[in-house]
Amino acid sequence: MSLRKLFVIITTLFVFGQTFAQSPSETQDFSKASVSIKYYNKNIYYPGPAEESPVFVHISIKNNGTETLRFKLADDRMFSIDFNAYTVKNSRLEQTVNLIERRTTNQTVYFREISLEQGEEYSFVENVKDYLNITESSIYYLELLFYPELYKSKYLSLKSNRLTLEILPSPKATASNFIAVKEKSVELLRPADIAPDKVVEQTIIARQKSLWDQYFLYMDLESLLKRNSNLNKKYISSSAEERERILTTFKADLMQTKIDTDIVAIPEKFQIERTTYSPTEGNVSVIEWFKYQNFSEKKRYTYKLRQREGVWQIYDYNVVNLGTE
């Protein structure tokens, strides 16, 4: 190989290497960005699977500077964040197998570019147990790393504040062979006396997470079924036993998005716009964004609630399309 050819090859590799290694921080200053975490509806936490005993954390990214802050956010949040948890002896919890597999498998990572102006923030909720194996009761110190240029550029990260995470021992099975863990899970799923906007917020997040038991927790299924004139006619003329079957089928159809697709649609993000209520009736207006391949659709949902025995329930809703973005 001639000296001239060798020089051309080395130059080409050098230019390519420089392009590949270029740091996004050269064009975007993240020193004025902050990341904070707090518990979403702080609860009693136990070891166990993510679905059965979740640890939901509310994550906020804020622009504290005067310039527009831009960052990437993956549709699969596992390519945008990491949770770290340490024991009092400073040993670190291991990541889940699912997280490791997804990051090491060749795949296309879809993401959006988010822009925040001065003082604005972007928030979402994640389950810590999707990221970390929490198998033992203990006290942990939990923090988050956010990758504004995605996990592939993890040399650039923002660290959050720390939370104290207390994992209690799992309740033991009783002598009657009834599993106390299940009893506790049912206890945690009892509807609480919370405000209408919190009811709607919890319901939407439960749908985003496909947590159906939590999603239906504040739903008046009978009233929602009666919105459908054909089902309502059949329901009214049926026996009590037949009505139960119709309600069960209606619930199953909702879960499979066969009916009333607006109420079970999964928004990418949402923002509660306005809440009004009297002692017995309430309305919660929510702006919701739904992402498709090449655009996002924006809608206004108005949820109607009423209070029964101290608990607010969603019994009706309407939807207005606000266009695309």
C-alpha atoms as a PDB file:
ATOM      1  CA  MET A   1       0.000   0.000   0.000  1.00  0.00           C
ATOM      2  CA  SER A   2       1.400   3.394  -0.967  1.00  0.00           C
ATOM      3  CA  LEU A   3       2.075   6.064   1.625  1.00  0.00           C
ATOM      4  CA  ARG A   4      -0.515   8.342  -0.042  1.00  0.00           C
ATOM      5  CA  LYS A   5      -3.277   5.706   0.213  1.00  0.00           C
ATOM      6  CA  LEU A   6      -2.415   5.005   3.827  1.00  0.00           C
ATOM      7  CA  PHE A   7      -2.669   8.715   4.634  1.00  0.00           C
ATOM      8  CA  VAL A   8      -6.124   8.935   3.009  1.00  0.00           C
ATOM      9  CA  ILE A   9      -7.422   5.938   4.995  1.00  0.00           C
ATOM     10  CA  ILE A  10      -6.113   7.278   8.304  1.00  0.00           C
ATOM     11  CA  THR A  11      -7.613  10.704   7.595  1.00  0.00           C
ATOM     12  CA  THR A  12     -10.998   9.182   6.739  1.00  0.00           C
ATOM     13  CA  LEU A  13     -11.087   7.101   9.931  1.00  0.00           C
ATOM     14  CA  PHE A  14     -10.089  10.114  11.979  1.00  0.00           C
ATOM     15  CA  VAL A  15     -12.853  12.290  10.539  1.00  0.00           C
ATOM     16  CA  PHE A  16     -15.419   9.504  11.062  1.00  0.00           C
ATOM     17  CA  GLY A  17     -14.244   8.978  14.618  1.00  0.00           C
ATOM     18  CA  GLN A  18     -14.527  12.645  15.391  1.00  0.00           C
ATOM     19  CA  THR A  19     -18.057  12.770  13.983  1.00  0.00           C
ATOM     20  CA  PHE A  20     -19.183   9.705  15.948  1.00  0.00           C
ATOM     21  CA  ALA A  21     -17.647  10.873  19.234  1.00  0.00           C
ATOM     22  CA  GLN A  22     -18.866  14.434  19.049  1.00  0.00           C
ATOM     23  CA  SER A  23     -20.515  15.286  22.329  1.00  0.00           C
ATOM     24  CA  PRO A  24     -24.028  16.749  22.225  1.00  0.00           C
ATOM     25  CA  SER A  25     -22.990  19.015  25.097  1.00  0.00           C
ATOM     26  CA  GLU A  26     -21.115  21.087  22.513  1.00  0.00           C
ATOM     27  CA  THR A  27     -24.446  22.315  21.190  1.00  0.00           C
ATOM     28  CA  GLN A  28     -26.647  22.061  24.287  1.00  0.00           C
ATOM     29  CA  ASP A  29     -25.842  23.227  27.794  1.00  0.00           C
ATOM     30  CA  PHE A  30     -27.492  20.993  30.417  1.00  0.00           C
ATOM     31  CA  SER A  31     -25.989  22.793  33.420  1.00  0.00           C
ATOM     32  CA  LYS A  32     -29.267  24.645  33.966  1.00  0.00           C
ATOM     33  CA  ALA A  33     -31.385  21.491  33.763  1.00  0.00           C
ATOM     34  CA  SER A  34     -32.466  19.659  36.895  1.00  0.00           C
ATOM     35  CA  VAL A  35     -34.022  16.259  37.493  1.00  0.00           C
ATOM     36  CA  SER A  36     -36.067  15.482  40.584  1.00  0.00           C
ATOM     37  CA  ILE A  37     -37.933  12.421  41.809  1.00  0.00           C
ATOM     38  CA  LYS A  38     -40.652  11.869  44.384  1.00  0.00           C
ATOM     39  CA  TYR A  39     -42.974   9.003  45.207  1.00  0.00           C
ATOM     40  CA  TYR A  40     -46.211   8.898  43.287  1.00  0.00           C
ATOM     41  CA  ASN A  41     -48.887   8.122  45.903  1.00  0.00           C
ATOM     42  CA  LYS A  42     -46.372   6.876  48.456  1.00  0.00           C
ATOM     43  CA  ASN A  43     -47.452   3.491  49.729  1.00  0.00           C
ATOM     44  CA  ILE A  44     -46.314   0.438  51.669  1.00  0.00           C
ATOM     45  CA  TYR A  45     -43.653  -1.341  49.599  1.00  0.00           C
ATOM     46  CA  TYR A  46     -42.753  -5.028  49.634  1.00  0.00           C
ATOM     47  CA  PRO A  47     -40.316  -7.235  47.692  1.00  0.00           C
ATOM     48  CA  GLY A  48     -41.782  -8.983  44.692  1.00  0.00           C
ATOM     49  CA  PRO A  49     -42.629  -8.613  40.991  1.00  0.00           C
ATOM     50  CA  ALA A  50     -43.103  -5.198  39.428  1.00  0.00           C
ATOM     51  CA  GLU A  51     -46.738  -5.879  38.555  1.00  0.00           C
ATOM     52  CA  GLU A  52     -47.823  -7.118  41.986  1.00  0.00           C
ATOM     53  CA  SER A  53     -45.953  -4.681  44.217  1.00  0.00           C
ATOM     54  CA  PRO A  54     -44.945  -1.646  42.148  1.00  0.00           C
ATOM     55  CA  VAL A  55     -42.908   1.325  43.339  1.00  0.00           C
ATOM     56  CA  PHE A  56     -44.097   4.259  41.256  1.00  0.00           C
ATOM     57  CA  VAL A  57     -41.887   7.341  41.125  1.00  0.00           C
ATOM     58  CA  HIS A  58     -42.809  10.719  39.656  1.00  0.00           C
ATOM     59  CA  ILE A  59     -39.937  12.126  37.561  1.00  0.00           C
ATOM     60  CA  SER A  60     -39.617  15.798  36.597  1.00  0.00           C
ATOM     61  CA  ILE A  61     -37.124  17.425  34.243  1.00  0.00           C
ATOM     62  CA  LYS A  62     -36.985  21.223  34.614  1.00  0.00           C
ATOM     63  CA  ASN A  63     -35.332  24.058  32.740  1.00  0.00           C
ATOM     64  CA  ASN A  64     -33.862  26.452  35.309  1.00  0.00           C
ATOM     65  CA  GLY A  65     -32.033  28.520  32.708  1.00  0.00           C
ATOM     66  CA  THR A  66     -33.028  31.325  30.349  1.00  0.00           C
ATOM     67  CA  GLU A  67     -32.291  29.476  27.092  1.00  0.00           C
ATOM     68  CA  THR A  68     -34.524  26.815  25.537  1.00  0.00           C
ATOM     69  CA  LEU A  69     -33.632  23.356  26.837  1.00  0.00           C
ATOM     70  CA  ARG A  70     -33.803  20.519  24.312  1.00  0.00           C
ATOM     71  CA  PHE A  71     -33.349  16.829  25.017  1.00  0.00           C
ATOM     72  CA  LYS A  72     -34.325  13.434  23.647  1.00  0.00           C
ATOM     73  CA  LEU A  73     -36.852  11.194  25.386  1.00  0.00           C
ATOM     74  CA  ALA A  74     -37.234   7.570  24.295  1.00  0.00           C
ATOM     75  CA  ASP A  75     -40.692   6.063  23.905  1.00  0.00           C
ATOM     76  CA  ASP A  76     -39.279   3.158  25.896  1.00  0.00           C
ATOM     77  CA  ARG A  77     -38.081   5.048  28.962  1.00  0.00           C
ATOM     78  CA  MET A  78     -35.469   2.348  29.658  1.00  0.00           C
ATOM     79  CA  PHE A  79     -33.335   4.068  27.033  1.00  0.00           C
ATOM     80  CA  SER A  80     -33.627   7.436  28.810  1.00  0.00           C
ATOM     81  CA  ILE A  81     -33.218   6.712  32.516  1.00  0.00           C
ATOM     82  CA  ASP A  82     -31.604   4.475  35.109  1.00  0.00           C
ATOM     83  CA  PHE A  83     -32.538   3.958  38.736  1.00  0.00           C
ATOM     84  CA  ASN A  84     -29.807   3.252  41.259  1.00  0.00           C
ATOM     85  CA  ALA A  85     -30.495   2.018  44.778  1.00  0.00           C
ATOM     86  CA  TYR A  86     -27.900   1.566  47.523  1.00  0.00           C
ATOM     87  CA  THR A  87     -28.029  -0.123  50.901  1.00  0.00           C
ATOM     88  CA  VAL A  88     -26.687   1.524  54.052  1.00  0.00           C
ATOM     89  CA  LYS A  89     -23.464  -0.401  53.351  1.00  0.00           C
ATOM     90  CA  ASN A  90     -23.340   1.226  49.906  1.00  0.00           C
ATOM     91  CA  SER A  91     -23.906  -1.998  47.965  1.00  0.00           C
ATOM     92  CA  ARG A  92     -25.874  -1.441  44.788  1.00  0.00           C
ATOM     93  CA  LEU A  93     -28.978  -3.310  43.671  1.00  0.00           C
ATOM     94  CA  GLU A  94     -28.750  -5.250  40.397  1.00  0.00           C
ATOM     95  CA  GLN A  95     -30.673  -4.283  37.292  1.00  0.00           C
ATOM     96  CA  THR A  96     -33.517  -6.469  36.037  1.00  0.00           C
ATOM     97  CA  VAL A  97     -32.866  -9.084  33.364  1.00  0.00           C
ATOM     98  CA  ASN A  98     -35.500  -7.456  31.175  1.00  0.00           C
ATOM     99  CA  LEU A  99     -33.694  -4.106  31.285  1.00  0.00           C
ATOM    100  CA  ILE A 100     -30.340  -5.684  30.384  1.00  0.00           C
ATOM    101  CA  GLU A 101     -31.819  -7.731  27.547  1.00  0.00           C
ATOM    102  CA  ARG A 102     -33.607  -4.794  25.981  1.00  0.00           C
ATOM    103  CA  ARG A 103     -30.487  -2.665  26.016  1.00  0.00           C
ATOM    104  CA  THR A 104     -28.267  -5.365  24.547  1.00  0.00           C
ATOM    105  CA  THR A 105     -30.657  -6.469  21.780  1.00  0.00           C
ATOM    106  CA  ASN A 106     -30.331  -4.812  18.389  1.00  0.00           C
ATOM    107  CA  GLN A 107     -33.434  -2.710  17.864  1.00  0.00           C
ATOM    108  CA  THR A 108     -34.600   0.690  16.708  1.00  0.00           C
ATOM    109  CA  VAL A 109     -35.045   3.122  19.587  1.00  0.00           C
ATOM    110  CA  TYR A 110     -37.823   5.613  18.906  1.00  0.00           C
ATOM    111  CA  PHE A 111     -37.629   8.946  20.650  1.00  0.00           C
ATOM    112  CA  ARG A 112     -39.022  12.470  20.674  1.00  0.00           C
ATOM    113  CA  GLU A 113     -37.219  15.756  21.059  1.00  0.00           C
ATOM    114  CA  ILE A 114     -38.619  17.762  23.966  1.00  0.00           C
ATOM    115  CA  SER A 115     -38.193  21.533  24.233  1.00  0.00           C
ATOM    116  CA  LEU A 116     -38.634  23.341  27.537  1.00  0.00           C
ATOM    117  CA  GLU A 117     -38.658  27.103  27.946  1.00  0.00           C
ATOM    118  CA  GLN A 118     -37.507  28.894  31.091  1.00  0.00           C
ATOM    119  CA  GLY A 119     -39.258  27.517  34.179  1.00  0.00           C
ATOM    120  CA  GLU A 120     -41.063  24.749  32.293  1.00  0.00           C
ATOM    121  CA  GLU A 121     -40.831  21.103  33.278  1.00  0.00           C
ATOM    122  CA  TYR A 122     -41.755  17.720  31.829  1.00  0.00           C
ATOM    123  CA  SER A 123     -42.945  14.885  34.064  1.00  0.00           C
ATOM    124  CA  PHE A 124     -43.769  11.198  33.817  1.00  0.00           C
ATOM    125  CA  VAL A 125     -44.137   8.194  36.125  1.00  0.00           C
ATOM    126  CA  GLU A 126     -42.069   4.990  36.138  1.00  0.00           C
ATOM    127  CA  ASN A 127     -42.056   1.782  38.159  1.00  0.00           C
ATOM    128  CA  VAL A 128     -38.684   1.366  39.890  1.00  0.00           C
ATOM    129  CA  LYS A 129     -39.095  -2.409  39.848  1.00  0.00           C
ATOM    130  CA  ASP A 130     -38.967  -2.412  36.040  1.00  0.00           C
ATOM    131  CA  TYR A 131     -35.350  -1.322  36.467  1.00  0.00           C
ATOM    132  CA  LEU A 132     -34.100  -2.875  39.705  1.00  0.00           C
ATOM    133  CA  ASN A 133     -34.364  -6.285  41.375  1.00  0.00           C
ATOM    134  CA  ILE A 134     -35.807  -5.610  44.806  1.00  0.00           C
ATOM    135  CA  THR A 135     -35.950  -9.025  46.429  1.00  0.00           C
ATOM    136  CA  GLU A 136     -35.155  -8.296  50.081  1.00  0.00           C
ATOM    137  CA  SER A 137     -36.611  -6.056  52.757  1.00  0.00           C
ATOM    138  CA  SER A 138     -34.251  -3.240  53.683  1.00  0.00           C
ATOM    139  CA  ILE A 139     -33.795   0.517  53.583  1.00  0.00           C
ATOM    140  CA  TYR A 140     -32.377   1.755  50.295  1.00  0.00           C
ATOM    141  CA  TYR A 141     -31.280   5.119  48.993  1.00  0.00           C
ATOM    142  CA  LEU A 142     -32.823   5.657  45.583  1.00  0.00           C
ATOM    143  CA  GLU A 143     -31.661   8.039  42.855  1.00  0.00           C
ATOM    144  CA  LEU A 144     -32.178   8.465  39.134  1.00  0.00           C
ATOM    145  CA  LEU A 145     -29.872   9.145  36.194  1.00  0.00           C
ATOM    146  CA  PHE A 146     -31.401  10.842  33.176  1.00  0.00           C
ATOM    147  CA  TYR A 147     -29.697  10.595  29.779  1.00  0.00           C
ATOM    148  CA  PRO A 148     -30.671  13.660  27.698  1.00  0.00           C
ATOM    149  CA  GLU A 149     -29.072  12.106  24.602  1.00  0.00           C
ATOM    150  CA  LEU A 150     -30.380   8.569  25.360  1.00  0.00           C
ATOM    151  CA  TYR A 151     -28.595   5.592  26.879  1.00  0.00           C
ATOM    152  CA  LYS A 152     -26.156   5.233  23.966  1.00  0.00           C
ATOM    153  CA  SER A 153     -24.665   8.542  25.112  1.00  0.00           C
ATOM    154  CA  LYS A 154     -24.741   7.733  28.805  1.00  0.00           C
ATOM    155  CA  TYR A 155     -21.485   9.625  29.396  1.00  0.00           C
ATOM    156  CA  LEU A 156     -23.860  12.617  29.485  1.00  0.00           C
ATOM    157  CA  SER A 157     -26.254  12.255  32.406  1.00  0.00           C
ATOM    158  CA  LEU A 158     -28.147  14.270  35.005  1.00  0.00           C
ATOM    159  CA  LYS A 159     -28.488  12.958  38.547  1.00  0.00           C
ATOM    160  CA  SER A 160     -31.591  13.454  40.669  1.00  0.00           C
ATOM    161  CA  ASN A 161     -32.087  13.944  44.382  1.00  0.00           C
ATOM    162  CA  ARG A 162     -32.104  10.868  46.645  1.00  0.00           C
ATOM    163  CA  LEU A 163     -35.140   9.232  48.223  1.00  0.00           C
ATOM    164  CA  THR A 164     -35.244   6.820  51.136  1.00  0.00           C
ATOM    165  CA  LEU A 165     -36.989   3.630  50.034  1.00  0.00           C
ATOM    166  CA  GLU A 166     -38.162   1.331  52.796  1.00  0.00           C
ATOM    167  CA  ILE A 167     -39.031  -2.210  51.680  1.00  0.00           C
ATOM    168  CA  LEU A 168     -40.922  -4.113  54.367  1.00  0.00           C
ATOM    169  CA  PRO A 169     -40.842  -7.907  54.792  1.00  0.00           C
ATOM    170  CA  SER A 170     -43.574  -9.711  52.873  1.00  0.00           C
ATOM    171  CA  PRO A 171     -46.480 -10.729  55.120  1.00  0.00           C
ATOM    172  CA  LYS A 172     -46.421 -14.445  55.947  1.00  0.00           C
ATOM    173  CA  ALA A 173     -49.102 -16.924  54.946  1.00  0.00           C
ATOM    174  CA  THR A 174     -51.593 -17.626  57.714  1.00  0.00           C
ATOM    175  CA  ALA A 175     -52.425 -21.032  59.142  1.00  0.00           C
ATOM    176  CA  SER A 176     -55.591 -21.139  57.050  1.00  0.00           C
ATOM    177  CA  ASN A 177     -53.419 -21.240  53.904  1.00  0.00           C
ATOM    178  CA  PHE A 178     -54.736 -17.831  52.859  1.00  0.00           C
ATOM    179  CA  ILE A 179     -51.881 -15.814  51.359  1.00  0.00           C
ATOM    180  CA  ALA A 180     -51.611 -12.563  53.274  1.00  0.00           C
ATOM    181  CA  VAL A 181     -49.775 -10.838  50.423  1.00  0.00           C
ATOM    182  CA  LYS A 182     -52.875 -11.098  48.294  1.00  0.00           C
ATOM    183  CA  GLU A 183     -54.972  -9.793  51.143  1.00  0.00           C
ATOM    184  CA  LYS A 184     -52.646  -6.792  51.429  1.00  0.00           C
ATOM    185  CA  SER A 185     -52.777  -6.221  47.678  1.00  0.00           C
ATOM    186  CA  VAL A 186     -56.567  -6.158  47.810  1.00  0.00           C
ATOM    187  CA  GLU A 187     -56.396  -3.776  50.762  1.00  0.00           C
ATOM    188  CA  LEU A 188     -54.181  -1.378  48.808  1.00  0.00           C
ATOM    189  CA  LEU A 189     -56.631  -1.424  45.911  1.00  0.00           C
ATOM    190  CA  ARG A 190     -59.595  -0.236  47.929  1.00  0.00           C
ATOM    191  CA  PRO A 191     -60.759   3.143  46.607  1.00  0.00           C
ATOM    192  CA  ALA A 192     -59.648   6.039  48.778  1.00  0.00           C
ATOM    193  CA  ASP A 193     -61.307   9.310  49.683  1.00  0.00           C
ATOM    194  CA  ILE A 194     -59.321  11.486  47.271  1.00  0.00           C
ATOM    195  CA  ALA A 195     -60.254  14.546  45.202  1.00  0.00           C
ATOM    196  CA  PRO A 196     -61.784  14.194  41.703  1.00  0.00           C
ATOM    197  CA  ASP A 197     -58.629  15.378  39.912  1.00  0.00           C
ATOM    198  CA  LYS A 198     -56.545  12.788  41.772  1.00  0.00           C
ATOM    199  CA  VAL A 199     -59.062  10.094  40.819  1.00  0.00           C
ATOM    200  CA  VAL A 200     -58.695  10.999  37.138  1.00  0.00           C
ATOM    201  CA  GLU A 201     -54.900  11.282  37.383  1.00  0.00           C
ATOM    202  CA  GLN A 202     -54.572   7.845  38.991  1.00  0.00           C
ATOM    203  CA  THR A 203     -56.946   6.307  36.447  1.00  0.00           C
ATOM    204  CA  ILE A 204     -55.034   7.652  33.434  1.00  0.00           C
ATOM    205  CA  ILE A 205     -51.655   6.578  34.812  1.00  0.00           C
ATOM    206  CA  ALA A 206     -53.041   3.115  35.594  1.00  0.00           C
ATOM    207  CA  ARG A 207     -54.123   2.860  31.938  1.00  0.00           C
ATOM    208  CA  GLN A 208     -50.673   3.983  30.765  1.00  0.00           C
ATOM    209  CA  LYS A 209     -49.210   1.164  32.850  1.00  0.00           C
ATOM    210  CA  SER A 210     -51.911  -1.381  31.824  1.00  0.00           C
ATOM    211  CA  LEU A 211     -52.789  -1.878  35.488  1.00  0.00           C
ATOM    212  CA  TRP A 212     -56.388  -2.859  34.913  1.00  0.00           C
ATOM    213  CA  ASP A 213     -57.406  -3.390  38.552  1.00  0.00           C
ATOM    214  CA  GLN A 214     -56.239   0.114  39.401  1.00  0.00           C
ATOM    215  CA  TYR A 215     -57.776   1.494  36.206  1.00  0.00           C
ATOM    216  CA  PHE A 216     -61.261   0.220  37.084  1.00  0.00           C
ATOM    217  CA  LEU A 217     -60.933   1.137  40.760  1.00  0.00           C
ATOM    218  CA  TYR A 218     -62.783   4.458  40.366  1.00  0.00           C
ATOM    219  CA  MET A 219     -64.952   3.535  37.376  1.00  0.00           C
ATOM    220  CA  ASP A 220     -68.755   3.304  37.574  1.00  0.00           C
ATOM    221  CA  LEU A 221     -68.996   0.537  34.972  1.00  0.00           C
ATOM    222  CA  GLU A 222     -72.771   0.359  35.068  1.00  0.00           C
ATOM    223  CA  SER A 223     -73.135   4.058  34.195  1.00  0.00           C
ATOM    224  CA  LEU A 224     -70.504   3.808  31.457  1.00  0.00           C
ATOM    225  CA  LEU A 225     -72.292   0.793  29.984  1.00  0.00           C
ATOM    226  CA  LYS A 226     -75.572   2.757  29.872  1.00  0.00           C
ATOM    227  CA  ARG A 227     -73.939   5.261  27.496  1.00  0.00           C
ATOM    228  CA  ASN A 228     -74.364   2.570  24.837  1.00  0.00           C
ATOM    229  CA  SER A 229     -78.066   2.590  23.916  1.00  0.00           C
ATOM    230  CA  ASN A 230     -78.087  -1.009  22.645  1.00  0.00           C
ATOM    231  CA  LEU A 231     -76.330  -2.390  25.710  1.00  0.00           C
ATOM    232  CA  ASN A 232     -78.480  -0.257  28.002  1.00  0.00           C
ATOM    233  CA  LYS A 233     -81.700  -1.605  26.477  1.00  0.00           C
ATOM    234  CA  LYS A 234     -80.513  -5.175  26.946  1.00  0.00           C
ATOM    235  CA  TYR A 235     -79.219  -4.445  30.450  1.00  0.00           C
ATOM    236  CA  ILE A 236     -82.481  -2.902  31.685  1.00  0.00           C
ATOM    237  CA  SER A 237     -84.566  -5.821  30.453  1.00  0.00           C
ATOM    238  CA  SER A 238     -82.289  -8.488  31.989  1.00  0.00           C
ATOM    239  CA  SER A 239     -82.394 -10.323  35.302  1.00  0.00           C
ATOM    240  CA  ALA A 240     -79.924  -9.497  38.078  1.00  0.00           C
ATOM    241  CA  GLU A 241     -77.791 -12.516  37.168  1.00  0.00           C
ATOM    242  CA  GLU A 242     -77.824 -11.636  33.477  1.00  0.00           C
ATOM    243  CA  ARG A 243     -76.881  -8.022  34.275  1.00  0.00           C
ATOM    244  CA  GLU A 244     -73.805  -9.253  36.128  1.00  0.00           C
ATOM    245  CA  ARG A 245     -72.781 -11.242  33.083  1.00  0.00           C
ATOM    246  CA  ILE A 246     -73.332  -8.246  30.778  1.00  0.00           C
ATOM    247  CA  LEU A 247     -71.174  -6.053  33.043  1.00  0.00           C
ATOM    248  CA  THR A 248     -68.405  -8.682  33.075  1.00  0.00           C
ATOM    249  CA  THR A 249     -68.498  -8.897  29.275  1.00  0.00           C
ATOM    250  CA  PHE A 250     -68.488  -5.100  29.003  1.00  0.00           C
ATOM    251  CA  LYS A 251     -65.404  -4.898  31.220  1.00  0.00           C
ATOM    252  CA  ALA A 252     -63.637  -7.585  29.155  1.00  0.00           C
ATOM    253  CA  ASP A 253     -64.494  -5.749  25.919  1.00  0.00           C
ATOM    254  CA  LEU A 254     -63.030  -2.539  27.348  1.00  0.00           C
ATOM    255  CA  MET A 255     -59.812  -4.347  28.212  1.00  0.00           C
ATOM    256  CA  GLN A 256     -59.591  -5.636  24.650  1.00  0.00           C
ATOM    257  CA  THR A 257     -60.504  -2.188  23.230  1.00  0.00           C
ATOM    258  CA  LYS A 258     -63.503  -3.639  21.425  1.00  0.00           C
ATOM    259  CA  ILE A 259     -65.857  -0.952  22.679  1.00  0.00           C
ATOM    260  CA  ASP A 260     -65.709   2.680  23.894  1.00  0.00           C
ATOM    261  CA  THR A 261     -62.169   3.004  22.600  1.00  0.00           C
ATOM    262  CA  ASP A 262     -61.900   6.666  23.682  1.00  0.00           C
ATOM    263  CA  ILE A 263     -62.057   5.866  27.382  1.00  0.00           C
ATOM    264  CA  VAL A 264     -59.397   3.129  27.155  1.00  0.00           C
ATOM    265  CA  ALA A 265     -57.088   4.941  24.716  1.00  0.00           C
ATOM    266  CA  ILE A 266     -53.554   5.328  26.086  1.00  0.00           C
ATOM    267  CA  PRO A 267     -52.232   8.905  26.084  1.00  0.00           C
ATOM    268  CA  GLU A 268     -48.509   9.480  25.766  1.00  0.00           C
ATOM    269  CA  LYS A 269     -48.846  12.387  28.191  1.00  0.00           C
ATOM    270  CA  PHE A 270     -51.598  14.392  29.814  1.00  0.00           C
ATOM    271  CA  GLN A 271     -52.203  17.600  31.728  1.00  0.00           C
ATOM    272  CA  ILE A 272     -55.121  18.315  34.032  1.00  0.00           C
ATOM    273  CA  GLU A 273     -56.553  21.597  32.822  1.00  0.00           C
ATOM    274  CA  ARG A 274     -59.414  22.404  35.184  1.00  0.00           C
ATOM    275  CA  THR A 275     -61.346  20.824  38.057  1.00  0.00           C
ATOM    276  CA  THR A 276     -64.742  21.931  39.350  1.00  0.00           C
ATOM    277  CA  TYR A 277     -66.974  20.139  41.806  1.00  0.00           C
ATOM    278  CA  SER A 278     -69.765  20.448  44.316  1.00  0.00           C
ATOM    279  CA  PRO A 279     -70.231  18.150  47.329  1.00  0.00           C
ATOM    280  CA  THR A 280     -71.636  15.418  45.054  1.00  0.00           C
ATOM    281  CA  GLU A 281     -70.793  16.204  41.389  1.00  0.00           C
ATOM    282  CA  GLY A 282     -67.485  16.986  39.696  1.00  0.00           C
ATOM    283  CA  ASN A 283     -65.921  17.685  36.294  1.00  0.00           C
ATOM    284  CA  VAL A 284     -62.246  17.273  35.445  1.00  0.00           C
ATOM    285  CA  SER A 285     -60.947  18.628  32.141  1.00  0.00           C
ATOM    286  CA  VAL A 286     -57.743  16.994  30.853  1.00  0.00           C
ATOM    287  CA  ILE A 287     -55.620  17.661  27.774  1.00  0.00           C
ATOM    288  CA  GLU A 288     -54.265  14.366  26.455  1.00  0.00           C
ATOM    289  CA  TRP A 289     -51.727  13.695  23.700  1.00  0.00           C
ATOM    290  CA  PHE A 290     -51.731  10.498  21.645  1.00  0.00           C
ATOM    291  CA  LYS A 291     -48.656   9.657  19.632  1.00  0.00           C
ATOM    292  CA  TYR A 292     -48.770   8.031  16.222  1.00  0.00           C
ATOM    293  CA  GLN A 293     -45.939   7.275  13.816  1.00  0.00           C
ATOM    294  CA  ASN A 294     -45.633  10.716  12.225  1.00  0.00           C
ATOM    295  CA  PHE A 295     -47.749  12.986  14.400  1.00  0.00           C
ATOM    296  CA  SER A 296     -49.377  13.517  17.780  1.00  0.00           C
ATOM    297  CA  GLU A 297     -53.093  14.020  18.278  1.00  0.00           C
ATOM    298  CA  LYS A 298     -54.345  16.365  20.977  1.00  0.00           C
ATOM    299  CA  LYS A 299     -57.720  15.910  22.680  1.00  0.00           C
ATOM    300  CA  ARG A 300     -59.643  17.402  25.574  1.00  0.00           C
ATOM    301  CA  TYR A 301     -61.308  14.853  27.823  1.00  0.00           C
ATOM    302  CA  THR A 302     -63.950  15.999  30.292  1.00  0.00           C
ATOM    303  CA  TYR A 303     -64.539  13.364  32.955  1.00  0.00           C
ATOM    304  CA  LYS A 304     -67.764  13.510  34.953  1.00  0.00           C
ATOM    305  CA  LEU A 305     -67.633  12.206  38.509  1.00  0.00           C
ATOM    306  CA  ARG A 306     -70.011  11.796  41.392  1.00  0.00           C
ATOM    307  CA  GLN A 307     -69.455  10.931  45.005  1.00  0.00           C
ATOM    308  CA  ARG A 308     -70.853   7.761  46.496  1.00  0.00           C
ATOM    309  CA  GLU A 309     -70.183   6.783  50.116  1.00  0.00           C
ATOM    310  CA  GLY A 310     -67.237   9.160  50.292  1.00  0.00           C
ATOM    311  CA  VAL A 311     -65.572   7.971  47.047  1.00  0.00           C
ATOM    312  CA  TRP A 312     -65.516   9.811  43.724  1.00  0.00           C
ATOM    313  CA  GLN A 313     -66.301   7.682  40.650  1.00  0.00           C
ATOM    314  CA  ILE A 314     -66.079   8.389  36.923  1.00  0.00           C
ATOM    315  CA  TYR A 315     -69.527   7.780  35.434  1.00  0.00           C
ATOM    316  CA  ASP A 316     -69.411   9.663  32.117  1.00  0.00           C
ATOM    317  CA  TYR A 317     -67.034  11.546  29.819  1.00  0.00           C
ATOM    318  CA  ASN A 318     -66.845  13.424  26.527  1.00  0.00           C
ATOM    319  CA  VAL A 319     -63.995  14.026  24.098  1.00  0.00           C
ATOM    320  CA  VAL A 320     -63.167  16.992  21.870  1.00  0.00           C
ATOM    321  CA  ASN A 321     -60.471  16.739  19.174  1.00  0.00           C
ATOM    322  CA  LEU A 322     -58.032  19.652  19.306  1.00  0.00           C
ATOM    323  CA  GLY A 323     -56.051  18.814  16.167  1.00  0.00           C
ATOM    324  CA  THR A 324     -52.600  17.398  15.521  1.00  0.00           C
ATOM    325  CA  GLU A 325     -49.054  18.504  16.319  1.00  0.00           C
END
